C-alpha atoms as a PDB file:
ATOM      1  CA  MET A   1      19.955 -21.058   0.693  1.00  0.00           C
ATOM      2  CA  LEU A   2      16.279 -21.160  -0.203  1.00  0.00           C
ATOM      3  CA  ILE A   3      14.202 -18.096   0.885  1.00  0.00           C
ATOM      4  CA  HIS A   4      10.335 -18.540   1.136  1.00  0.00           C
ATOM      5  CA  PHE A   5       8.086 -15.585   1.054  1.00  0.00           C
ATOM      6  CA  LEU A   6       4.708 -15.651   2.496  1.00  0.00           C
ATOM      7  CA  VAL A   7       2.323 -13.821   0.089  1.00  0.00           C
ATOM      8  CA  MET A   8      -0.549 -11.961   1.585  1.00  0.00           C
ATOM      9  CA  GLN A   9      -2.762 -11.834  -1.463  1.00  0.00           C
ATOM     10  CA  ASN A  10      -5.294  -9.290  -0.016  1.00  0.00           C
ATOM     11  CA  LYS A  11      -2.630  -6.788   1.396  1.00  0.00           C
ATOM     12  CA  ILE A  12      -0.751  -4.409  -0.916  1.00  0.00           C
ATOM     13  CA  PHE A  13       2.418  -2.392  -0.643  1.00  0.00           C
ATOM     14  CA  VAL A  14       2.329   1.307  -1.737  1.00  0.00           C
ATOM     15  CA  GLY A  15       5.771   2.717  -2.325  1.00  0.00           C
ATOM     16  CA  ASN A  16       7.065   6.205  -3.363  1.00  0.00           C
ATOM     17  CA  LEU A  17       4.104   8.026  -1.545  1.00  0.00           C
ATOM     18  CA  PRO A  18       4.434  11.766  -1.090  1.00  0.00           C
ATOM     19  CA  TRP A  19       5.629  12.701   2.400  1.00  0.00           C
ATOM     20  CA  SER A  20       2.417  14.557   3.135  1.00  0.00           C
ATOM     21  CA  VAL A  21       0.063  11.577   2.590  1.00  0.00           C
ATOM     22  CA  THR A  22      -1.834  10.397   5.560  1.00  0.00           C
ATOM     23  CA  SER A  23      -3.370   6.912   6.360  1.00  0.00           C
ATOM     24  CA  ALA A  24      -6.863   8.435   5.682  1.00  0.00           C
ATOM     25  CA  GLN A  25      -5.763   9.731   2.298  1.00  0.00           C
ATOM     26  CA  LEU A  26      -4.334   6.409   1.382  1.00  0.00           C
ATOM     27  CA  GLN A  27      -7.526   4.702   2.175  1.00  0.00           C
ATOM     28  CA  GLU A  28      -9.483   7.150   0.222  1.00  0.00           C
ATOM     29  CA  ALA A  29      -7.271   6.903  -2.852  1.00  0.00           C
ATOM     30  CA  PHE A  30      -7.767   3.083  -2.843  1.00  0.00           C
ATOM     31  CA  ALA A  31     -11.406   2.775  -1.768  1.00  0.00           C
ATOM     32  CA  GLN A  32     -12.730   2.638  -5.382  1.00  0.00           C
ATOM     33  CA  TYR A  33     -11.261  -0.914  -5.594  1.00  0.00           C
ATOM     34  CA  GLY A  34     -13.163  -2.499  -2.877  1.00  0.00           C
ATOM     35  CA  GLN A  35     -13.730  -2.891   0.843  1.00  0.00           C
ATOM     36  CA  ILE A  36     -10.568  -1.860   2.796  1.00  0.00           C
ATOM     37  CA  THR A  37     -10.050  -3.438   6.239  1.00  0.00           C
ATOM     38  CA  ASP A  38      -6.918  -1.422   6.990  1.00  0.00           C
ATOM     39  CA  ALA A  39      -4.758   1.391   5.412  1.00  0.00           C
ATOM     40  CA  SER A  40      -1.627   2.729   7.040  1.00  0.00           C
ATOM     41  CA  VAL A  41       1.265   4.949   6.110  1.00  0.00           C
ATOM     42  CA  VAL A  42       4.468   3.706   7.901  1.00  0.00           C
ATOM     43  CA  LEU A  43       6.012   6.435  10.113  1.00  0.00           C
ATOM     44  CA  ASP A  44       9.272   6.789  11.378  1.00  0.00           C
ATOM     45  CA  LYS A  45       9.542   5.796  15.145  1.00  0.00           C
ATOM     46  CA  GLU A  46      11.786   8.711  16.099  1.00  0.00           C
ATOM     47  CA  SER A  47      10.606  11.564  14.020  1.00  0.00           C
ATOM     48  CA  GLY A  48       6.970  10.575  13.454  1.00  0.00           C
ATOM     49  CA  ARG A  49       7.235  11.598   9.805  1.00  0.00           C
ATOM     50  CA  SER A  50       6.216   9.370   6.896  1.00  0.00           C
ATOM     51  CA  ARG A  51       8.755   6.931   5.522  1.00  0.00           C
ATOM     52  CA  GLY A  52       7.245   7.202   2.063  1.00  0.00           C
ATOM     53  CA  PHE A  53       5.466   3.864   1.923  1.00  0.00           C
ATOM     54  CA  GLY A  54       2.392   2.143   3.309  1.00  0.00           C
ATOM     55  CA  PHE A  55       0.079  -0.875   3.171  1.00  0.00           C
ATOM     56  CA  VAL A  56      -3.566  -1.277   2.314  1.00  0.00           C
ATOM     57  CA  THR A  57      -5.532  -4.445   3.228  1.00  0.00           C
ATOM     58  CA  PHE A  58      -8.540  -5.477   1.207  1.00  0.00           C
ATOM     59  CA  ALA A  59     -11.463  -7.750   2.106  1.00  0.00           C
ATOM     60  CA  THR A  60     -10.634 -10.028  -0.945  1.00  0.00           C
ATOM     61  CA  ASP A  61      -7.671 -11.025  -3.036  1.00  0.00           C
ATOM     62  CA  ALA A  62      -9.540  -9.926  -6.187  1.00  0.00           C
ATOM     63  CA  GLU A  63     -10.018  -6.405  -4.798  1.00  0.00           C
ATOM     64  CA  ALA A  64      -6.322  -6.192  -3.954  1.00  0.00           C
ATOM     65  CA  GLN A  65      -5.365  -7.322  -7.384  1.00  0.00           C
ATOM     66  CA  ALA A  66      -7.672  -4.782  -8.939  1.00  0.00           C
ATOM     67  CA  ALA A  67      -6.061  -2.079  -6.931  1.00  0.00           C
ATOM     68  CA  VAL A  68      -2.513  -3.209  -8.152  1.00  0.00           C
ATOM     69  CA  ASP A  69      -3.746  -3.223 -11.660  1.00  0.00           C
ATOM     70  CA  GLY A  70      -5.356   0.004 -11.469  1.00  0.00           C
ATOM     71  CA  MET A  71      -3.024   2.144  -9.359  1.00  0.00           C
ATOM     72  CA  ASN A  72       0.558   0.894 -10.030  1.00  0.00           C
ATOM     73  CA  GLY A  73       2.499   3.611 -11.868  1.00  0.00           C
ATOM     74  CA  THR A  74      -0.137   6.329 -11.336  1.00  0.00           C
ATOM     75  CA  SER A  75       0.572   9.735  -9.879  1.00  0.00           C
ATOM     76  CA  MET A  76      -0.320  10.737  -6.270  1.00  0.00           C
ATOM     77  CA  ASP A  77       0.422  14.412  -5.466  1.00  0.00           C
ATOM     78  CA  GLY A  78       2.956  14.539  -8.245  1.00  0.00           C
ATOM     79  CA  ARG A  79       4.763  11.244  -7.464  1.00  0.00           C
ATOM     80  CA  ASP A  80       4.463   8.058  -9.434  1.00  0.00           C
ATOM     81  CA  ILE A  81       3.519   5.428  -6.852  1.00  0.00           C
ATOM     82  CA  THR A  82       4.589   1.740  -6.902  1.00  0.00           C
ATOM     83  CA  VAL A  83       1.763  -0.710  -6.006  1.00  0.00           C
ATOM     84  CA  ASN A  84       2.216  -4.444  -5.605  1.00  0.00           C
ATOM     85  CA  ILE A  85       1.092  -7.415  -3.416  1.00  0.00           C
ATOM     86  CA  ALA A  86       2.784  -7.310  -0.101  1.00  0.00           C
ATOM     87  CA  ARG A  87       5.205  -9.878   1.086  1.00  0.00           C
ATOM     88  CA  ALA A  88       5.500 -10.842   4.725  1.00  0.00           C
ATOM     89  CA  LYS A  89       8.626  -9.746   6.602  1.00  0.00           C
ATOM     90  CA  GLU A  90      10.935 -12.649   7.675  1.00  0.00           C
END
């Protein structure tokens, strides 16, 4: 079985976020890498609490790649975050 992934080059996945981080704080943390069109921390539907990951969408692919290069493995409120180019859900 062959699985195809759609890659959205200007949207990044940010994992291992501290539970306290808001969408506004996520946007602020990544703003230095370019124009952000959307930033959101994914929330649990039942509890409304953070699920520990989010997505940031940049205006260009180059800005998104710069954010991956600059932020992957860095610390945010004491947690080392994972940052990579997002793949579409199937």
